[in-house]
Each structure stands twice: as C-alpha cells, then as structure tokens.
C-alpha cells in the first residue's frame, strides 16, 4: 500500500519538461520574428529547433519550433504567443 506522505511528495514535485512542438502563424513578415523568438526564449527553458517560413506575396507567415517545457506551462506560452501583435494563431503542432 502506498503511504499518503509518499503521494503528497509526488504531487508537489514540479512537472518534468518535455519537448513540445509549437506552430504560430503571423502577419508582419520578418519584422515580427524578433518578438516571437524573444518570447519563446523568455518563456521556455530551451528552444531546440526553430524554423520560419516567410514567402513574398503570402499574407501569413509561419513559425514552427520545438521547446522544452513542462505540460502545465504550455497553455500559458500559447496564450502569450496569441497576445502578440500580428499573431493569427498559435497551437501545438
């Protein structure tokens, strides 16, 4: 039988970070990238990969990245990304 003290200790530990793939779509072209990348650098522990797709004549650009982040911080990161000017959507990819 598992002791309640053991269970309390398990639930009080911080969640382990896991790689999460994030996609964001934005307007503003290359000028919007520093703000997006800056937010990712501030909010996640590590950005493992980052790719940006900006094409001439296309209204929206895309950013896809893999970040190391605990599960309980994912929604906050997505909400912060969505709050940036020019971001059309942000979601788990």
Protein backbone atom coordinates (compact mmCIF):
# COMPACT_ATOMS: atom_id res chain seq x y z
CA UNK A 1 0.00 0.00 0.00
CA UNK A 2 1.29 3.46 -0.84
CA UNK A 3 1.58 5.91 2.01
CA UNK A 4 -0.22 9.29 1.77
CA UNK A 5 3.06 11.08 2.56
CA UNK A 6 4.66 9.47 -0.49
CA UNK A 7 1.74 10.55 -2.69
CA UNK A 8 1.90 14.11 -1.34
CA UNK A 9 5.61 14.24 -2.13
CA UNK A 10 4.99 13.01 -5.71
CA UNK A 11 2.32 15.63 -6.41
CA UNK A 12 4.38 18.52 -5.01
CA UNK A 13 7.30 17.95 -7.39
CA UNK A 14 7.49 20.22 -10.42
CA UNK A 15 6.45 18.70 -13.74
CA UNK A 16 9.31 17.46 -15.84
CA UNK A 17 9.94 19.44 -19.00
CA UNK A 18 9.10 17.67 -22.24
CA UNK A 19 9.73 18.67 -25.84
CA UNK A 20 6.67 20.37 -27.30
CA UNK A 21 6.24 21.31 -30.94
CA UNK A 22 4.60 24.72 -31.33
CA UNK A 23 3.28 26.35 -34.53
CA UNK A 24 2.42 30.03 -34.80
CA UNK A 25 1.05 31.90 -37.80
CA UNK A 26 1.57 35.63 -38.02
CA UNK A 27 1.48 38.71 -40.21
CA UNK A 28 4.20 41.34 -40.45
CA UNK A 29 6.85 39.27 -42.19
CA UNK A 30 10.42 39.32 -41.00
CA UNK A 31 9.76 42.28 -38.68
CA UNK A 32 7.61 40.10 -36.39
CA UNK A 33 10.23 37.36 -35.93
CA UNK A 34 12.38 39.01 -33.21
CA UNK A 35 9.38 39.49 -30.92
CA UNK A 36 8.19 35.89 -31.45
CA UNK A 37 11.67 34.43 -30.92
CA UNK A 38 12.24 36.65 -27.88
CA UNK A 39 9.05 35.43 -26.22
CA UNK A 40 9.99 31.81 -26.88
CA UNK A 41 13.44 32.38 -25.39
CA UNK A 42 12.00 34.03 -22.26
CA UNK A 43 9.15 31.55 -21.66
CA UNK A 44 10.70 28.18 -22.49
CA UNK A 45 13.68 26.52 -20.94
CA UNK A 46 15.26 25.60 -24.28
CA UNK A 47 14.34 26.15 -27.92
CA UNK A 48 15.63 23.03 -29.68
CA UNK A 49 14.74 23.97 -33.21
CA UNK A 50 13.13 26.94 -34.88
CA UNK A 51 12.08 27.44 -38.47
CA UNK A 52 10.32 30.40 -40.02
CA UNK A 53 8.55 30.36 -43.38
CA UNK A 54 8.10 33.80 -44.92
CA UNK A 55 7.06 34.00 -48.58
CA UNK A 56 6.67 37.01 -50.79
CA UNK A 57 3.04 37.67 -51.65
CA UNK A 58 1.60 35.47 -48.90
CA UNK A 59 -0.38 37.26 -46.17
CA UNK A 60 0.58 34.97 -43.26
CA UNK A 61 3.95 33.58 -42.30
CA UNK A 62 4.62 30.52 -40.17
CA UNK A 63 6.93 29.66 -37.32
CA UNK A 64 7.45 26.13 -36.04
CA UNK A 65 9.65 25.29 -33.08
CA UNK A 66 10.36 22.63 -30.53
CA UNK A 67 10.69 23.84 -26.95
CA UNK A 68 11.47 22.14 -23.66
CA UNK A 69 8.58 22.97 -21.36
CA UNK A 70 6.55 21.35 -18.55
CA UNK A 71 2.99 20.40 -19.53
CA UNK A 72 1.48 22.89 -17.08
CA UNK A 73 3.23 25.81 -18.85
CA UNK A 74 2.16 25.04 -22.43
CA UNK A 75 -1.18 26.88 -22.38
CA UNK A 76 0.40 29.98 -20.86
CA UNK A 77 3.02 30.04 -23.63
CA UNK A 78 0.36 29.63 -26.33
CA UNK A 79 -1.74 32.40 -24.74
CA UNK A 80 1.27 34.74 -24.63
CA UNK A 81 2.08 33.99 -28.28
CA UNK A 82 -1.54 34.67 -29.30
CA UNK A 83 -1.42 38.02 -27.47
CA UNK A 84 1.46 39.31 -29.61
CA UNK A 85 0.51 41.82 -32.31
CA UNK A 86 0.17 40.17 -35.68
CA UNK A 87 -0.15 36.59 -34.38
CA UNK A 88 -3.14 34.97 -36.06
CA UNK A 89 -2.91 31.64 -34.23
CA UNK A 90 -0.62 29.56 -32.03
CA UNK A 91 -1.11 25.87 -31.23
CA UNK A 92 0.59 22.59 -30.52
CA UNK A 93 1.81 21.16 -33.80
